[in-house]
Structures are given as C-alpha cells and as structure tokens.
C-alpha cells in the first residue's frame, strides 16, 4: 500500500504506550493496533484529530505517501 503509518514512530518519540494512547483518545487497543500496523483502510478525521492532539503532531507526521512499485501505473 502506498500510504504508510508512522504511528509507532510518533508513539516512541513521545514515550507513550498503545494502552495509554488508546485510553486518551477513547479507542480500543485492538483498533489502535490495527491502525498502527497499517491494517485499516480508512481513518476518521476525529481519530486523526485526537491522535495529533495527544501526540502533539501534524497528520503528516503520522502518515506518509510512498509510491508502490507494484501498483499499476507506478514505479518502473
């Protein structure tokens, strides 16, 4: 997938655990874990807002676009 989640990086920088962050933003640890590992297909703005608020970051700090060489019309 071309969108990469850097949630684990931001959590490490802020020294916050999955459990603590999940409690702070009102999300289950399971769903936050799925988001952290990039196994979701969408993120609500409300969730992004809560993550940015608690991690003191911007949405671009959490998500990154990396062209996927295997995708049609991409790469070489």
PDB file of N, CA and C in Angstrom:
ATOM      1  N   UNK A   1       0.847  -1.178   0.000  1.00  0.00           N
ATOM      2  CA  UNK A   1       0.000   0.000   0.000  1.00  0.00           C
ATOM      3  C   UNK A   1       0.891   1.238   0.000  1.00  0.00           C
ATOM      4  N   UNK A   2       0.459   2.271  -0.666  1.00  0.00           N
ATOM      5  CA  UNK A   2       1.270   3.470  -0.828  1.00  0.00           C
ATOM      6  C   UNK A   2       1.235   4.400   0.383  1.00  0.00           C
ATOM      7  N   UNK A   3       0.249   4.253   1.262  1.00  0.00           N
ATOM      8  CA  UNK A   3       0.189   5.078   2.470  1.00  0.00           C
ATOM      9  C   UNK A   3       0.761   4.274   3.629  1.00  0.00           C
ATOM     10  N   UNK A   4       1.768   4.845   4.275  1.00  0.00           N
ATOM     11  CA  UNK A   4       2.455   4.180   5.379  1.00  0.00           C
ATOM     12  C   UNK A   4       2.115   4.920   6.674  1.00  0.00           C
ATOM     13  N   UNK A   5       1.823   4.176   7.712  1.00  0.00           N
ATOM     14  CA  UNK A   5       1.513   4.754   9.018  1.00  0.00           C
ATOM     15  C   UNK A   5       2.770   4.802   9.876  1.00  0.00           C
ATOM     16  N   UNK A   6       3.067   5.987  10.388  1.00  0.00           N
ATOM     17  CA  UNK A   6       4.228   6.174  11.262  1.00  0.00           C
ATOM     18  C   UNK A   6       3.804   6.381  12.714  1.00  0.00           C
ATOM     19  N   UNK A   7       2.651   5.838  13.058  1.00  0.00           N
ATOM     20  CA  UNK A   7       2.131   5.996  14.415  1.00  0.00           C
ATOM     21  C   UNK A   7       3.089   5.421  15.450  1.00  0.00           C
ATOM     22  N   UNK A   8       3.683   4.281  15.158  1.00  0.00           N
ATOM     23  CA  UNK A   8       4.612   3.671  16.110  1.00  0.00           C
ATOM     24  C   UNK A   8       5.825   4.568  16.359  1.00  0.00           C
ATOM     25  N   UNK A   9       6.283   5.266  15.325  1.00  0.00           N
ATOM     26  CA  UNK A   9       7.425   6.184  15.464  1.00  0.00           C
ATOM     27  C   UNK A   9       7.055   7.344  16.386  1.00  0.00           C
ATOM     28  N   UNK A  10       5.882   7.935  16.146  1.00  0.00           N
ATOM     29  CA  UNK A  10       5.451   9.069  16.976  1.00  0.00           C
ATOM     30  C   UNK A  10       5.207   8.637  18.418  1.00  0.00           C
ATOM     31  N   UNK A  11       4.656   7.439  18.614  1.00  0.00           N
ATOM     32  CA  UNK A  11       4.434   6.948  19.964  1.00  0.00           C
ATOM     33  C   UNK A  11       5.769   6.758  20.689  1.00  0.00           C
ATOM     34  N   UNK A  12       6.765   6.244  19.992  1.00  0.00           N
ATOM     35  CA  UNK A  12       8.083   6.047  20.599  1.00  0.00           C
ATOM     36  C   UNK A  12       8.721   7.384  20.942  1.00  0.00           C
ATOM     37  N   UNK A  13       8.599   8.349  20.042  1.00  0.00           N
ATOM     38  CA  UNK A  13       9.171   9.683  20.300  1.00  0.00           C
ATOM     39  C   UNK A  13       8.542  10.342  21.513  1.00  0.00           C
ATOM     40  N   UNK A  14       7.251  10.114  21.687  1.00  0.00           N
ATOM     41  CA  UNK A  14       6.519  10.731  22.812  1.00  0.00           C
ATOM     42  C   UNK A  14       6.510   9.839  24.052  1.00  0.00           C
ATOM     43  N   UNK A  15       7.102   8.650  23.907  1.00  0.00           N
ATOM     44  CA  UNK A  15       7.175   7.694  25.020  1.00  0.00           C
ATOM     45  C   UNK A  15       5.790   7.388  25.595  1.00  0.00           C
ATOM     46  N   UNK A  16       4.871   7.063  24.703  1.00  0.00           N
ATOM     47  CA  UNK A  16       3.509   6.725  25.119  1.00  0.00           C
ATOM     48  C   UNK A  16       3.197   5.304  24.638  1.00  0.00           C
ATOM     49  N   UNK A  17       2.562   4.544  25.505  1.00  0.00           N
ATOM     50  CA  UNK A  17       2.233   3.154  25.171  1.00  0.00           C
ATOM     51  C   UNK A  17       0.926   3.087  24.390  1.00  0.00           C
ATOM     52  N   UNK A  18       0.717   1.982  23.741  1.00  0.00           N
ATOM     53  CA  UNK A  18      -0.515   1.743  23.000  1.00  0.00           C
ATOM     54  C   UNK A  18      -1.710   1.840  23.942  1.00  0.00           C
ATOM     55  N   UNK A  19      -1.590   1.238  25.100  1.00  0.00           N
ATOM     56  CA  UNK A  19      -2.685   1.251  26.080  1.00  0.00           C
ATOM     57  C   UNK A  19      -3.009   2.669  26.528  1.00  0.00           C
ATOM     58  N   UNK A  20      -1.982   3.452  26.865  1.00  0.00           N
ATOM     59  CA  UNK A  20      -2.212   4.830  27.318  1.00  0.00           C
ATOM     60  C   UNK A  20      -2.835   5.684  26.221  1.00  0.00           C
ATOM     61  N   UNK A  21      -2.316   5.565  25.006  1.00  0.00           N
ATOM     62  CA  UNK A  21      -2.842   6.358  23.904  1.00  0.00           C
ATOM     63  C   UNK A  21      -4.281   5.969  23.598  1.00  0.00           C
ATOM     64  N   UNK A  22      -4.570   4.680  23.597  1.00  0.00           N
ATOM     65  CA  UNK A  22      -5.937   4.211  23.336  1.00  0.00           C
ATOM     66  C   UNK A  22      -6.900   4.794  24.367  1.00  0.00           C
ATOM     67  N   UNK A  23      -6.510   4.799  25.627  1.00  0.00           N
ATOM     68  CA  UNK A  23      -7.365   5.362  26.677  1.00  0.00           C
ATOM     69  C   UNK A  23      -7.559   6.855  26.478  1.00  0.00           C
ATOM     70  N   UNK A  24      -6.497   7.562  26.141  1.00  0.00           N
ATOM     71  CA  UNK A  24      -6.570   9.016  25.974  1.00  0.00           C
ATOM     72  C   UNK A  24      -7.476   9.435  24.831  1.00  0.00           C
ATOM     73  N   UNK A  25      -7.497   8.668  23.764  1.00  0.00           N
ATOM     74  CA  UNK A  25      -8.300   9.068  22.602  1.00  0.00           C
ATOM     75  C   UNK A  25      -9.643   8.340  22.534  1.00  0.00           C
ATOM     76  N   UNK A  26      -9.906   7.448  23.492  1.00  0.00           N
ATOM     77  CA  UNK A  26     -11.179   6.748  23.534  1.00  0.00           C
ATOM     78  C   UNK A  26     -11.340   5.726  22.424  1.00  0.00           C
ATOM     79  N   UNK A  27     -10.284   4.998  22.158  1.00  0.00           N
ATOM     80  CA  UNK A  27     -10.293   3.983  21.102  1.00  0.00           C
ATOM     81  C   UNK A  27      -9.846   2.665  21.717  1.00  0.00           C
ATOM     82  N   UNK A  28     -10.349   1.564  21.183  1.00  0.00           N
ATOM     83  CA  UNK A  28      -9.931   0.268  21.716  1.00  0.00           C
ATOM     84  C   UNK A  28      -8.468   0.016  21.341  1.00  0.00           C
ATOM     85  N   UNK A  29      -7.791  -0.742  22.175  1.00  0.00           N
ATOM     86  CA  UNK A  29      -6.396  -1.079  21.878  1.00  0.00           C
ATOM     87  C   UNK A  29      -6.310  -1.887  20.585  1.00  0.00           C
ATOM     88  N   UNK A  30      -7.298  -2.728  20.342  1.00  0.00           N
ATOM     89  CA  UNK A  30      -7.303  -3.541  19.127  1.00  0.00           C
ATOM     90  C   UNK A  30      -7.354  -2.659  17.883  1.00  0.00           C
ATOM     91  N   UNK A  31      -8.280  -1.694  17.867  1.00  0.00           N
ATOM     92  CA  UNK A  31      -8.399  -0.817  16.703  1.00  0.00           C
ATOM     93  C   UNK A  31      -7.179   0.080  16.538  1.00  0.00           C
ATOM     94  N   UNK A  32      -6.635   0.562  17.631  1.00  0.00           N
ATOM     95  CA  UNK A  32      -5.440   1.396  17.551  1.00  0.00           C
ATOM     96  C   UNK A  32      -4.262   0.567  17.046  1.00  0.00           C
ATOM     97  N   UNK A  33      -4.165  -0.666  17.475  1.00  0.00           N
ATOM     98  CA  UNK A  33      -3.111  -1.553  17.000  1.00  0.00           C
ATOM     99  C   UNK A  33      -3.229  -1.799  15.499  1.00  0.00           C
ATOM    100  N   UNK A  34      -4.452  -1.999  15.023  1.00  0.00           N
ATOM    101  CA  UNK A  34      -4.676  -2.191  13.587  1.00  0.00           C
ATOM    102  C   UNK A  34      -4.261  -0.945  12.813  1.00  0.00           C
ATOM    103  N   UNK A  35      -4.571   0.215  13.349  1.00  0.00           N
ATOM    104  CA  UNK A  35      -4.161   1.468  12.711  1.00  0.00           C
ATOM    105  C   UNK A  35      -2.641   1.592  12.704  1.00  0.00           C
ATOM    106  N   UNK A  36      -2.033   1.273  13.826  1.00  0.00           N
ATOM    107  CA  UNK A  36      -0.570   1.372  13.965  1.00  0.00           C
ATOM    108  C   UNK A  36       0.158   0.476  12.972  1.00  0.00           C
ATOM    109  N   UNK A  37      -0.403  -0.680  12.692  1.00  0.00           N
ATOM    110  CA  UNK A  37       0.249  -1.618  11.783  1.00  0.00           C
ATOM    111  C   UNK A  37      -0.187  -1.443  10.331  1.00  0.00           C
ATOM    112  N   UNK A  38      -1.040  -0.448  10.076  1.00  0.00           N
ATOM    113  CA  UNK A  38      -1.452  -0.164   8.707  1.00  0.00           C
ATOM    114  C   UNK A  38      -2.464  -1.131   8.141  1.00  0.00           C
ATOM    115  N   UNK A  39      -3.203  -1.797   8.998  1.00  0.00           N
ATOM    116  CA  UNK A  39      -4.170  -2.801   8.538  1.00  0.00           C
ATOM    117  C   UNK A  39      -5.599  -2.254   8.457  1.00  0.00           C
ATOM    118  N   UNK A  40      -5.731  -0.946   8.333  1.00  0.00           N
ATOM    119  CA  UNK A  40      -7.047  -0.335   8.170  1.00  0.00           C
ATOM    120  C   UNK A  40      -7.099   0.347   6.807  1.00  0.00           C
ATOM    121  N   UNK A  41      -8.309   0.561   6.320  1.00  0.00           N
ATOM    122  CA  UNK A  41      -8.469   1.163   5.006  1.00  0.00           C
ATOM    123  C   UNK A  41      -8.965   2.601   5.077  1.00  0.00           C
ATOM    124  N   UNK A  42      -9.190   3.108   6.271  1.00  0.00           N
ATOM    125  CA  UNK A  42      -9.657   4.477   6.424  1.00  0.00           C
ATOM    126  C   UNK A  42      -9.491   4.938   7.852  1.00  0.00           C
ATOM    127  N   UNK A  43      -9.377   6.250   8.004  1.00  0.00           N
ATOM    128  CA  UNK A  43      -9.233   6.851   9.327  1.00  0.00           C
ATOM    129  C   UNK A  43     -10.160   8.054   9.385  1.00  0.00           C
ATOM    130  N   UNK A  44     -10.939   8.154  10.417  1.00  0.00           N
ATOM    131  CA  UNK A  44     -11.827   9.298  10.592  1.00  0.00           C
ATOM    132  C   UNK A  44     -11.013  10.524  10.982  1.00  0.00           C
ATOM    133  N   UNK A  45     -11.491  11.681  10.528  1.00  0.00           N
ATOM    134  CA  UNK A  45     -10.842  12.937  10.903  1.00  0.00           C
ATOM    135  C   UNK A  45     -10.842  13.105  12.421  1.00  0.00           C
ATOM    136  N   UNK A  46     -11.901  12.672  13.054  1.00  0.00           N
ATOM    137  CA  UNK A  46     -11.995  12.777  14.521  1.00  0.00           C
ATOM    138  C   UNK A  46     -10.871  11.981  15.183  1.00  0.00           C
ATOM    139  N   UNK A  47     -10.560  10.812  14.629  1.00  0.00           N
ATOM    140  CA  UNK A  47      -9.476   9.988  15.161  1.00  0.00           C
ATOM    141  C   UNK A  47      -8.127  10.654  14.917  1.00  0.00           C
ATOM    142  N   UNK A  48      -7.934  11.187  13.705  1.00  0.00           N
ATOM    143  CA  UNK A  48      -6.674  11.874  13.400  1.00  0.00           C
ATOM    144  C   UNK A  48      -6.490  13.091  14.302  1.00  0.00           C
ATOM    145  N   UNK A  49      -7.573  13.816  14.536  1.00  0.00           N
ATOM    146  CA  UNK A  49      -7.512  14.982  15.417  1.00  0.00           C
ATOM    147  C   UNK A  49      -7.085  14.578  16.824  1.00  0.00           C
ATOM    148  N   UNK A  50      -7.671  13.505  17.344  1.00  0.00           N
ATOM    149  CA  UNK A  50      -7.336  13.041  18.688  1.00  0.00           C
ATOM    150  C   UNK A  50      -5.885  12.572  18.759  1.00  0.00           C
ATOM    151  N   UNK A  51      -5.433  11.853  17.737  1.00  0.00           N
ATOM    152  CA  UNK A  51      -4.039  11.394  17.714  1.00  0.00           C
ATOM    153  C   UNK A  51      -3.084  12.576  17.681  1.00  0.00           C
ATOM    154  N   UNK A  52      -3.375  13.550  16.825  1.00  0.00           N
ATOM    155  CA  UNK A  52      -2.500  14.732  16.723  1.00  0.00           C
ATOM    156  C   UNK A  52      -2.492  15.524  18.022  1.00  0.00           C
ATOM    157  N   UNK A  53      -3.645  15.634  18.662  1.00  0.00           N
ATOM    158  CA  UNK A  53      -3.730  16.355  19.936  1.00  0.00           C
ATOM    159  C   UNK A  53      -2.887  15.654  21.001  1.00  0.00           C
ATOM    160  N   UNK A  54      -3.038  14.348  21.131  1.00  0.00           N
ATOM    161  CA  UNK A  54      -2.348  13.610  22.193  1.00  0.00           C
ATOM    162  C   UNK A  54      -0.863  13.416  21.917  1.00  0.00           C
ATOM    163  N   UNK A  55      -0.480  13.354  20.648  1.00  0.00           N
ATOM    164  CA  UNK A  55       0.934  13.147  20.307  1.00  0.00           C
ATOM    165  C   UNK A  55       1.631  14.454  19.934  1.00  0.00           C
ATOM    166  N   UNK A  56       0.879  15.563  19.987  1.00  0.00           N
ATOM    167  CA  UNK A  56       1.417  16.893  19.671  1.00  0.00           C
ATOM    168  C   UNK A  56       2.147  16.861  18.324  1.00  0.00           C
ATOM    169  N   UNK A  57       1.391  16.495  17.273  1.00  0.00           N
ATOM    170  CA  UNK A  57       1.984  16.370  15.951  1.00  0.00           C
ATOM    171  C   UNK A  57       0.980  16.793  14.882  1.00  0.00           C
ATOM    172  N   UNK A  58       1.391  16.713  13.648  1.00  0.00           N
ATOM    173  CA  UNK A  58       0.551  17.011  12.500  1.00  0.00           C
ATOM    174  C   UNK A  58       0.176  15.699  11.799  1.00  0.00           C
ATOM    175  N   UNK A  59      -0.918  15.689  11.019  1.00  0.00           N
ATOM    176  CA  UNK A  59      -1.291  14.465  10.305  1.00  0.00           C
ATOM    177  C   UNK A  59      -0.156  13.908   9.438  1.00  0.00           C
ATOM    178  N   UNK A  60       0.629  14.781   8.848  1.00  0.00           N
ATOM    179  CA  UNK A  60       1.748  14.342   8.021  1.00  0.00           C
ATOM    180  C   UNK A  60       2.842  13.640   8.806  1.00  0.00           C
ATOM    181  N   UNK A  61       2.861  13.817  10.118  1.00  0.00           N
ATOM    182  CA  UNK A  61       3.813  13.100  10.960  1.00  0.00           C
ATOM    183  C   UNK A  61       3.376  11.646  11.156  1.00  0.00           C
ATOM    184  N   UNK A  62       2.076  11.414  11.018  1.00  0.00           N
ATOM    185  CA  UNK A  62       1.518  10.086  11.260  1.00  0.00           C
ATOM    186  C   UNK A  62       1.401   9.240  10.001  1.00  0.00           C
ATOM    187  N   UNK A  63       1.233   9.917   8.857  1.00  0.00           N
ATOM    188  CA  UNK A  63       1.017   9.199   7.604  1.00  0.00           C
ATOM    189  C   UNK A  63       1.977   9.712   6.539  1.00  0.00           C
ATOM    190  N   UNK A  64       2.420   8.794   5.702  1.00  0.00           N
ATOM    191  CA  UNK A  64       3.401   9.123   4.672  1.00  0.00           C
ATOM    192  C   UNK A  64       3.016   8.422   3.379  1.00  0.00           C
ATOM    193  N   UNK A  65       3.208   9.100   2.264  1.00  0.00           N
ATOM    194  CA  UNK A  65       2.949   8.501   0.960  1.00  0.00           C
ATOM    195  C   UNK A  65       4.253   7.970   0.392  1.00  0.00           C
ATOM    196  N   UNK A  66       4.267   6.685   0.083  1.00  0.00           N
ATOM    197  CA  UNK A  66       5.411   6.060  -0.573  1.00  0.00           C
ATOM    198  C   UNK A  66       4.883   5.320  -1.792  1.00  0.00           C
ATOM    199  N   UNK A  67       5.254   5.757  -2.988  1.00  0.00           N
ATOM    200  CA  UNK A  67       4.757   5.074  -4.190  1.00  0.00           C
ATOM    201  C   UNK A  67       5.050   3.583  -4.131  1.00  0.00           C
ATOM    202  N   UNK A  68       4.058   2.819  -4.509  1.00  0.00           N
ATOM    203  CA  UNK A  68       4.172   1.358  -4.505  1.00  0.00           C
ATOM    204  C   UNK A  68       4.595   0.904  -5.899  1.00  0.00           C
ATOM    205  N   UNK A  69       5.765   0.348  -6.008  1.00  0.00           N
ATOM    206  CA  UNK A  69       6.306  -0.068  -7.300  1.00  0.00           C
ATOM    207  C   UNK A  69       5.466  -1.153  -7.955  1.00  0.00           C
ATOM    208  N   UNK A  70       4.685  -1.901  -7.171  1.00  0.00           N
ATOM    209  CA  UNK A  70       3.877  -2.988  -7.716  1.00  0.00           C
ATOM    210  C   UNK A  70       2.498  -2.524  -8.204  1.00  0.00           C
ATOM    211  N   UNK A  71       2.146  -1.270  -7.886  1.00  0.00           N
ATOM    212  CA  UNK A  71       0.822  -0.782  -8.279  1.00  0.00           C
ATOM    213  C   UNK A  71       0.809  -0.439  -9.766  1.00  0.00           C
ATOM    214  N   UNK A  72      -0.332  -0.657 -10.432  1.00  0.00           N
ATOM    215  CA  UNK A  72      -0.428  -0.327 -11.857  1.00  0.00           C
ATOM    216  C   UNK A  72      -0.163   1.161 -12.090  1.00  0.00           C
ATOM    217  N   UNK A  73       0.635   1.465 -13.084  1.00  0.00           N
ATOM    218  CA  UNK A  73       0.933   2.851 -13.412  1.00  0.00           C
ATOM    219  C   UNK A  73       1.964   3.503 -12.523  1.00  0.00           C
ATOM    220  N   UNK A  74       2.539   2.756 -11.607  1.00  0.00           N
ATOM    221  CA  UNK A  74       3.539   3.301 -10.684  1.00  0.00           C
ATOM    222  C   UNK A  74       4.850   2.564 -10.850  1.00  0.00           C
ATOM    223  N   UNK A  75       5.892   3.221 -10.484  1.00  0.00           N
ATOM    224  CA  UNK A  75       7.209   2.568 -10.492  1.00  0.00           C
ATOM    225  C   UNK A  75       7.699   2.252 -11.887  1.00  0.00           C
ATOM    226  N   UNK A  76       8.637   1.284 -11.988  1.00  0.00           N
ATOM    227  CA  UNK A  76       9.263   1.049 -13.262  1.00  0.00           C
ATOM    228  C   UNK A  76       8.998  -0.267 -13.782  1.00  0.00           C
TER     229      UNK A  76
END
